[in-house]
N, C-alpha and C. Protein backbone atom coordinates (compact mmCIF):
# COMPACT_ATOMS: atom_id res chain seq x y z
N MET A 1 -101.77 57.36 160.60
CA MET A 1 -100.54 57.58 161.47
C MET A 1 -100.56 57.40 162.99
N PRO A 2 -99.95 56.31 163.62
CA PRO A 2 -100.14 55.81 164.81
C PRO A 2 -100.45 56.79 166.01
N PRO A 3 -101.10 56.75 167.06
CA PRO A 3 -100.88 57.69 167.91
C PRO A 3 -99.55 57.68 168.56
N VAL A 4 -99.57 59.19 169.06
CA VAL A 4 -97.76 59.12 169.91
C VAL A 4 -98.21 59.45 171.05
N PHE A 5 -97.26 58.22 172.21
CA PHE A 5 -97.78 58.42 173.35
C PHE A 5 -96.30 59.04 174.02
N GLU A 6 -96.61 59.90 175.07
CA GLU A 6 -95.48 60.41 175.55
C GLU A 6 -95.48 59.89 176.92
N THR A 7 -93.74 59.50 177.26
CA THR A 7 -93.44 58.69 178.39
C THR A 7 -93.29 59.39 179.48
N VAL A 8 -93.59 59.03 180.55
CA VAL A 8 -93.52 59.56 181.85
C VAL A 8 -91.95 59.29 182.62
N GLY A 9 -90.97 60.01 182.65
CA GLY A 9 -89.77 59.36 183.10
C GLY A 9 -89.94 59.36 184.72
N VAL A 10 -90.16 58.24 185.14
CA VAL A 10 -90.72 58.13 186.54
C VAL A 10 -89.80 56.76 186.48
N LYS A 11 -88.44 57.21 188.06
CA LYS A 11 -87.90 56.00 188.29
C LYS A 11 -88.12 55.47 189.28
N ALA A 12 -87.62 54.15 189.68
CA ALA A 12 -88.20 53.28 190.66
C ALA A 12 -87.81 53.97 192.00
N HIS A 13 -87.11 54.67 192.35
CA HIS A 13 -86.89 55.56 193.51
C HIS A 13 -87.92 56.54 193.66
N ASP A 14 -88.37 57.31 193.03
CA ASP A 14 -89.45 58.10 192.73
C ASP A 14 -90.67 57.27 193.23
N PHE A 15 -91.09 56.10 192.25
CA PHE A 15 -92.28 55.63 192.72
C PHE A 15 -92.43 55.04 193.68
N LEU A 16 -91.14 54.62 194.60
CA LEU A 16 -91.42 53.97 195.73
C LEU A 16 -91.63 54.91 197.07
N SER A 17 -90.94 56.07 196.64
CA SER A 17 -91.18 57.23 197.86
C SER A 17 -92.69 57.61 197.90
N ILE A 18 -93.62 57.35 196.97
CA ILE A 18 -95.05 57.92 196.87
C ILE A 18 -95.48 56.45 197.64
N TYR A 19 -95.24 55.44 197.64
CA TYR A 19 -96.02 54.59 198.59
C TYR A 19 -95.16 54.56 199.77
N ARG A 20 -94.00 54.97 200.25
CA ARG A 20 -93.21 54.76 201.48
C ARG A 20 -94.30 56.05 202.31
N ARG A 21 -95.14 57.08 201.63
CA ARG A 21 -95.53 57.89 202.55
C ARG A 21 -96.95 57.66 202.60
N ASP A 22 -97.59 56.32 202.41
CA ASP A 22 -98.81 55.71 202.62
C ASP A 22 -98.88 55.27 203.64
N SER A 23 -99.81 55.55 204.52
CA SER A 23 -100.03 55.22 205.79
C SER A 23 -100.19 53.52 206.09
N LEU A 24 -100.60 52.88 205.24
CA LEU A 24 -100.46 51.35 205.41
C LEU A 24 -98.81 50.90 205.34
N VAL A 25 -98.31 51.69 204.55
CA VAL A 25 -96.85 51.01 204.40
C VAL A 25 -95.91 51.73 205.47
N GLN A 26 -96.43 53.07 206.31
CA GLN A 26 -95.64 53.38 207.30
C GLN A 26 -96.21 52.62 208.58
N THR A 27 -97.42 52.01 208.71
CA THR A 27 -97.79 51.39 209.96
C THR A 27 -97.27 49.87 209.81
N LEU A 28 -96.90 49.36 208.32
CA LEU A 28 -96.24 47.92 208.54
C LEU A 28 -94.41 47.97 208.83
N ALA A 29 -94.07 49.13 208.30
CA ALA A 29 -92.82 49.72 208.83
C ALA A 29 -92.62 49.66 210.39
N GLU A 30 -93.53 50.61 210.79
CA GLU A 30 -93.37 50.65 212.31
C GLU A 30 -93.57 49.25 213.03
N GLY A 31 -94.15 48.31 212.58
CA GLY A 31 -94.64 47.12 213.37
C GLY A 31 -93.56 46.29 213.18
N ILE A 32 -92.66 46.61 211.94
CA ILE A 32 -91.53 45.34 211.69
C ILE A 32 -90.25 46.65 212.81
N ARG A 33 -90.28 47.76 212.79
CA ARG A 33 -89.33 48.08 213.46
C ARG A 33 -89.35 47.82 215.24
N THR A 34 -90.58 47.76 215.42
CA THR A 34 -90.82 47.57 216.69
C THR A 34 -90.83 46.15 217.71
N SER A 35 -91.15 45.30 216.62
CA SER A 35 -91.38 43.68 216.67
C SER A 35 -89.87 43.14 216.31
N ALA A 36 -89.23 42.71 217.25
CA ALA A 36 -88.01 41.72 216.99
C ALA A 36 -87.93 40.62 215.96
N HIS A 37 -89.24 39.57 216.14
CA HIS A 37 -89.65 38.69 215.04
C HIS A 37 -90.94 38.63 214.72
N SER A 38 -90.91 39.00 213.40
CA SER A 38 -92.76 39.20 212.87
C SER A 38 -92.62 38.51 211.69
N ASN A 39 -94.19 38.08 211.79
CA ASN A 39 -94.63 37.29 210.27
C ASN A 39 -95.42 38.38 210.01
N ILE A 40 -95.76 38.52 208.82
CA ILE A 40 -96.93 39.51 208.38
C ILE A 40 -97.52 39.01 207.18
N ARG A 41 -98.36 38.71 207.34
CA ARG A 41 -99.47 38.62 205.69
C ARG A 41 -100.30 39.80 205.11
N LEU A 42 -100.20 40.09 204.31
CA LEU A 42 -101.36 40.99 203.62
C LEU A 42 -102.10 40.06 202.76
N LYS A 43 -103.63 40.48 202.78
CA LYS A 43 -104.50 39.66 201.66
C LYS A 43 -104.88 40.31 201.01
N GLY A 44 -105.39 39.99 199.68
CA GLY A 44 -106.18 41.08 198.89
C GLY A 44 -105.50 41.77 197.74
N LEU A 45 -104.15 41.65 197.76
CA LEU A 45 -103.39 42.11 196.79
C LEU A 45 -103.18 41.57 195.30
N HIS A 46 -103.27 42.35 194.29
CA HIS A 46 -103.33 41.90 193.41
C HIS A 46 -102.08 42.09 192.59
N GLY A 47 -101.74 41.53 191.30
CA GLY A 47 -100.53 41.94 190.43
C GLY A 47 -99.26 41.82 191.29
N SER A 48 -98.52 42.87 190.91
CA SER A 48 -97.13 43.07 191.56
C SER A 48 -97.40 44.23 192.98
N LEU A 49 -98.62 44.58 193.20
CA LEU A 49 -98.63 45.38 194.82
C LEU A 49 -98.07 44.66 195.80
N ASP A 50 -98.31 43.39 195.84
CA ASP A 50 -97.16 43.13 197.03
C ASP A 50 -95.92 43.31 197.05
N THR A 51 -95.24 42.94 195.75
CA THR A 51 -93.81 43.30 195.80
C THR A 51 -93.66 45.08 195.92
N VAL A 52 -94.34 45.87 195.51
CA VAL A 52 -94.32 47.33 195.78
C VAL A 52 -94.56 47.81 197.03
N ILE A 53 -95.05 47.06 197.71
CA ILE A 53 -95.31 47.49 199.42
C ILE A 53 -94.11 47.18 200.05
N PHE A 54 -93.89 45.86 199.63
CA PHE A 54 -92.78 45.29 200.27
C PHE A 54 -91.33 45.83 200.18
N ALA A 55 -91.30 46.58 198.85
CA ALA A 55 -89.86 47.37 198.64
C ALA A 55 -90.05 48.52 199.17
N ALA A 56 -91.18 49.21 199.28
CA ALA A 56 -91.70 50.58 200.14
C ALA A 56 -91.03 50.25 201.54
N VAL A 57 -91.83 49.47 202.12
CA VAL A 57 -91.28 48.93 203.55
C VAL A 57 -90.02 48.71 203.68
N TYR A 58 -89.32 48.01 202.84
CA TYR A 58 -87.72 47.78 202.89
C TYR A 58 -86.91 48.87 202.82
N LYS A 59 -87.29 49.83 202.17
CA LYS A 59 -86.55 51.24 202.03
C LYS A 59 -86.58 52.10 203.25
N SER A 60 -87.89 51.74 204.19
CA SER A 60 -87.91 52.27 205.29
C SER A 60 -87.20 51.65 206.24
N VAL A 61 -87.57 50.23 206.53
CA VAL A 61 -86.74 49.31 207.50
C VAL A 61 -85.74 48.58 206.78
N ARG A 62 -84.44 48.99 206.72
CA ARG A 62 -83.28 48.36 206.15
C ARG A 62 -82.68 47.09 207.21
N SER A 63 -83.63 45.92 207.17
CA SER A 63 -83.36 44.79 208.19
C SER A 63 -83.25 43.78 206.85
N SER A 64 -83.15 42.66 207.28
CA SER A 64 -82.86 41.26 206.47
C SER A 64 -84.09 40.69 206.35
N HIS A 65 -84.46 40.36 205.17
CA HIS A 65 -85.81 39.85 204.87
C HIS A 65 -85.81 38.47 203.99
N VAL A 66 -86.43 37.38 204.16
CA VAL A 66 -86.42 36.22 203.70
C VAL A 66 -88.28 36.03 203.09
N LEU A 67 -88.15 36.08 201.60
CA LEU A 67 -89.41 35.97 200.98
C LEU A 67 -89.77 34.67 200.25
N ILE A 68 -90.36 33.82 200.98
CA ILE A 68 -90.89 32.65 200.37
C ILE A 68 -92.24 32.78 199.77
N ALA A 69 -91.63 32.15 198.35
CA ALA A 69 -92.72 32.41 197.21
C ALA A 69 -93.57 30.73 197.32
N ARG A 70 -94.44 30.75 196.25
CA ARG A 70 -95.08 29.25 196.46
C ARG A 70 -94.56 28.27 195.78
N ASP A 71 -93.85 28.81 194.49
CA ASP A 71 -92.89 27.67 193.76
C ASP A 71 -92.02 28.68 193.14
N LYS A 72 -91.16 27.98 192.19
CA LYS A 72 -89.91 28.68 191.66
C LYS A 72 -90.70 29.62 190.57
N GLU A 73 -91.45 29.42 189.78
CA GLU A 73 -91.95 30.42 189.00
C GLU A 73 -92.33 31.65 189.45
N GLU A 74 -93.27 31.42 190.75
CA GLU A 74 -93.43 32.72 191.45
C GLU A 74 -92.55 33.55 191.86
N ALA A 75 -91.34 32.76 192.57
CA ALA A 75 -90.30 32.96 193.12
C ALA A 75 -89.47 34.10 192.01
N SER A 76 -89.50 33.29 190.83
CA SER A 76 -88.83 33.98 189.77
C SER A 76 -89.36 35.44 189.40
N TYR A 77 -90.61 35.44 189.32
CA TYR A 77 -91.58 36.74 189.07
C TYR A 77 -91.19 37.68 190.11
N LEU A 78 -91.30 37.32 191.59
CA LEU A 78 -91.18 37.86 192.49
C LEU A 78 -89.43 38.91 192.78
N LEU A 79 -88.58 37.98 192.27
CA LEU A 79 -87.18 38.29 192.26
C LEU A 79 -87.01 39.34 191.15
N ASN A 80 -87.85 39.41 189.78
CA ASN A 80 -87.63 40.09 188.70
C ASN A 80 -88.10 41.38 189.24
N ASP A 81 -89.28 41.43 189.90
CA ASP A 81 -89.87 42.72 190.36
C ASP A 81 -89.27 43.37 191.35
N LEU A 82 -88.45 42.73 192.27
CA LEU A 82 -87.62 43.28 193.32
C LEU A 82 -86.57 43.94 192.83
N GLN A 83 -85.80 43.31 191.61
CA GLN A 83 -84.60 43.77 191.31
C GLN A 83 -84.93 45.00 190.44
N HIS A 84 -86.05 45.06 189.77
CA HIS A 84 -86.40 46.43 189.20
C HIS A 84 -86.52 47.40 190.18
N LEU A 85 -87.07 47.21 191.10
CA LEU A 85 -87.79 47.95 192.31
C LEU A 85 -86.51 48.66 193.01
N LEU A 86 -85.50 47.87 193.61
CA LEU A 86 -84.67 47.80 194.55
C LEU A 86 -83.09 47.77 194.06
N GLY A 87 -82.96 47.34 192.75
CA GLY A 87 -81.93 46.99 192.24
C GLY A 87 -81.22 45.53 192.38
N GLU A 88 -80.54 45.18 191.47
CA GLU A 88 -79.95 43.64 191.39
C GLU A 88 -79.28 43.13 192.63
N LYS A 89 -78.24 44.16 193.30
CA LYS A 89 -77.39 43.84 193.88
C LYS A 89 -78.16 43.90 195.34
N GLU A 90 -79.52 44.32 195.62
CA GLU A 90 -80.26 44.21 196.88
C GLU A 90 -80.81 43.03 197.30
N VAL A 91 -80.91 42.03 196.05
CA VAL A 91 -82.04 41.19 196.27
C VAL A 91 -81.35 39.84 195.67
N LEU A 92 -81.64 38.61 196.66
CA LEU A 92 -80.48 37.56 196.18
C LEU A 92 -81.57 36.47 196.21
N PHE A 93 -80.97 35.52 195.46
CA PHE A 93 -82.16 34.04 194.82
C PHE A 93 -81.46 33.23 195.68
N PHE A 94 -82.40 32.34 196.05
CA PHE A 94 -81.94 31.03 196.93
C PHE A 94 -82.35 30.04 196.44
N PRO A 95 -81.72 29.73 195.07
CA PRO A 95 -82.39 28.10 194.46
C PRO A 95 -82.30 26.69 195.28
N MET A 96 -83.05 25.89 194.42
CA MET A 96 -82.40 24.42 194.97
C MET A 96 -81.43 24.00 194.04
N SER A 97 -80.66 23.38 194.28
CA SER A 97 -79.23 22.69 193.89
C SER A 97 -79.61 21.74 192.72
N TYR A 98 -80.90 21.21 192.62
CA TYR A 98 -81.00 20.12 191.80
C TYR A 98 -81.71 20.79 190.34
N LYS A 99 -81.60 19.88 189.25
CA LYS A 99 -82.60 20.69 187.94
C LYS A 99 -83.78 20.19 188.22
N ARG A 100 -84.29 19.00 188.61
CA ARG A 100 -85.53 18.86 188.74
C ARG A 100 -85.91 18.40 189.99
N PRO A 101 -86.98 18.63 190.88
CA PRO A 101 -87.49 18.11 192.26
C PRO A 101 -87.39 16.62 192.27
N TYR A 102 -86.95 16.38 193.25
CA TYR A 102 -86.78 15.02 193.85
C TYR A 102 -85.78 14.21 192.77
N GLU A 103 -85.25 14.57 191.95
CA GLU A 103 -84.22 13.94 191.22
C GLU A 103 -82.85 14.24 191.50
N TYR A 104 -82.27 13.71 192.50
CA TYR A 104 -81.05 14.01 193.12
C TYR A 104 -79.85 13.71 192.24
N ASP A 105 -79.89 12.87 191.19
CA ASP A 105 -78.77 12.91 190.53
C ASP A 105 -78.20 13.93 189.33
N ASP A 106 -79.18 14.70 189.25
CA ASP A 106 -79.04 16.17 188.27
C ASP A 106 -78.88 17.27 189.05
N ILE A 107 -77.50 17.22 189.23
CA ILE A 107 -77.17 18.47 190.23
C ILE A 107 -76.79 19.89 189.23
N GLU A 108 -77.44 21.04 189.25
CA GLU A 108 -77.23 21.93 188.76
C GLU A 108 -76.35 23.15 189.57
N ASN A 109 -75.00 22.98 188.83
CA ASN A 109 -73.90 23.44 189.31
C ASN A 109 -74.08 25.06 189.27
N ALA A 110 -74.56 25.63 188.53
CA ALA A 110 -74.82 27.11 188.72
C ALA A 110 -75.78 27.34 189.96
N ASN A 111 -76.54 26.44 190.27
CA ASN A 111 -77.19 26.52 191.52
C ASN A 111 -76.60 26.46 192.82
N ILE A 112 -75.83 25.99 192.62
CA ILE A 112 -75.04 25.14 193.76
C ILE A 112 -74.27 26.76 194.25
N LEU A 113 -73.53 27.29 193.07
CA LEU A 113 -72.79 28.51 193.31
C LEU A 113 -73.83 29.45 193.96
N MET A 114 -75.00 29.76 193.34
CA MET A 114 -76.05 30.61 193.80
C MET A 114 -75.96 30.45 195.08
N ARG A 115 -76.53 29.32 195.73
CA ARG A 115 -76.73 28.80 197.19
C ARG A 115 -75.42 29.47 198.10
N SER A 116 -74.29 29.49 197.48
CA SER A 116 -73.29 29.63 198.35
C SER A 116 -73.05 31.12 198.54
N GLU A 117 -73.18 31.41 197.12
CA GLU A 117 -72.97 33.12 197.22
C GLU A 117 -73.93 33.64 198.49
N VAL A 118 -75.27 33.46 198.09
CA VAL A 118 -76.23 33.70 199.03
C VAL A 118 -75.70 33.61 200.55
N LEU A 119 -75.45 32.49 200.83
CA LEU A 119 -74.76 32.10 202.43
C LEU A 119 -73.55 32.92 202.73
N ASN A 120 -72.91 33.08 201.86
CA ASN A 120 -71.75 34.01 202.17
C ASN A 120 -71.98 35.36 202.25
N VAL A 121 -72.75 35.94 201.52
CA VAL A 121 -73.37 37.63 202.06
C VAL A 121 -74.00 37.25 203.53
N ILE A 122 -75.03 36.32 203.37
CA ILE A 122 -75.64 36.28 204.89
C ILE A 122 -74.60 36.43 205.70
N SER A 123 -73.41 35.23 206.04
CA SER A 123 -72.57 35.50 206.82
C SER A 123 -71.77 36.66 207.02
N ASN A 124 -71.71 37.30 205.80
CA ASN A 124 -70.64 38.46 206.00
C ASN A 124 -71.32 39.86 206.17
N HIS A 125 -72.53 39.93 205.68
CA HIS A 125 -73.22 40.88 205.97
C HIS A 125 -74.72 40.64 206.29
N PRO A 126 -75.11 40.14 207.74
CA PRO A 126 -76.10 39.73 208.18
C PRO A 126 -77.34 40.74 208.30
N GLU A 127 -77.18 42.03 208.14
CA GLU A 127 -78.26 42.99 208.21
C GLU A 127 -78.37 43.69 206.62
N GLY A 128 -79.58 43.82 206.50
CA GLY A 128 -79.95 44.59 205.19
C GLY A 128 -80.29 43.40 203.75
N ASN A 129 -80.20 42.10 203.93
CA ASN A 129 -80.47 41.41 202.85
C ASN A 129 -81.70 41.14 202.42
N VAL A 130 -82.11 41.16 201.25
CA VAL A 130 -83.49 40.48 200.78
C VAL A 130 -83.54 39.14 199.98
N ILE A 131 -83.96 38.06 200.40
CA ILE A 131 -83.75 36.89 199.71
C ILE A 131 -85.03 36.35 199.39
N VAL A 132 -84.84 35.82 198.15
CA VAL A 132 -85.94 35.17 197.56
C VAL A 132 -86.02 33.69 197.41
N THR A 133 -86.83 33.11 197.81
CA THR A 133 -86.78 31.70 197.69
C THR A 133 -87.95 30.86 197.33
N TYR A 134 -88.01 29.47 197.59
CA TYR A 134 -89.29 28.74 197.46
C TYR A 134 -89.23 27.45 198.61
N PRO A 135 -90.41 26.84 198.87
CA PRO A 135 -90.01 25.94 199.67
C PRO A 135 -89.22 24.67 199.18
N GLU A 136 -89.20 24.36 198.17
CA GLU A 136 -88.08 23.36 197.97
C GLU A 136 -86.80 23.62 198.04
N ALA A 137 -86.44 24.88 197.67
CA ALA A 137 -85.11 25.40 198.04
C ALA A 137 -84.65 25.40 199.40
N ILE A 138 -85.48 25.71 200.37
CA ILE A 138 -85.19 25.91 201.79
C ILE A 138 -85.35 24.71 202.32
N SER A 139 -85.69 23.88 201.99
CA SER A 139 -86.17 22.46 202.87
C SER A 139 -84.86 21.55 202.33
N GLU A 140 -84.03 21.96 201.41
CA GLU A 140 -82.96 21.20 200.96
C GLU A 140 -81.72 21.51 202.08
N LYS A 141 -81.11 20.47 202.50
CA LYS A 141 -80.06 20.58 203.40
C LYS A 141 -78.65 20.91 202.40
């Protein structure tokens, strides 16, 4: 008979509230609140800990944030983690409009629509957005 595992019903909100009480997260949140424009870089984080810390800080400081991943694959993982922690409506993905980088003949209509929706949300609600993107997407005109 296989072992029976009891699952603990921890919701993302409860999970993030534990991190929001952490002194590092509170220090980061205070640094963001007091600085008009700040770039913060955390080193030595493994797995999805960077996403968890960001989500906890975001819940404390409801301002707009742009997260730039190294590439499209990393941006997809980051987006997925944030959507599970914050909810799908709070996180926006800004892709590049081409199917393949540097092949400007293959336009992806779904990506153009997604880019337009992100720009529309930013223009109508400039505060409290989380935008996940990658270098090729933001370098495109």
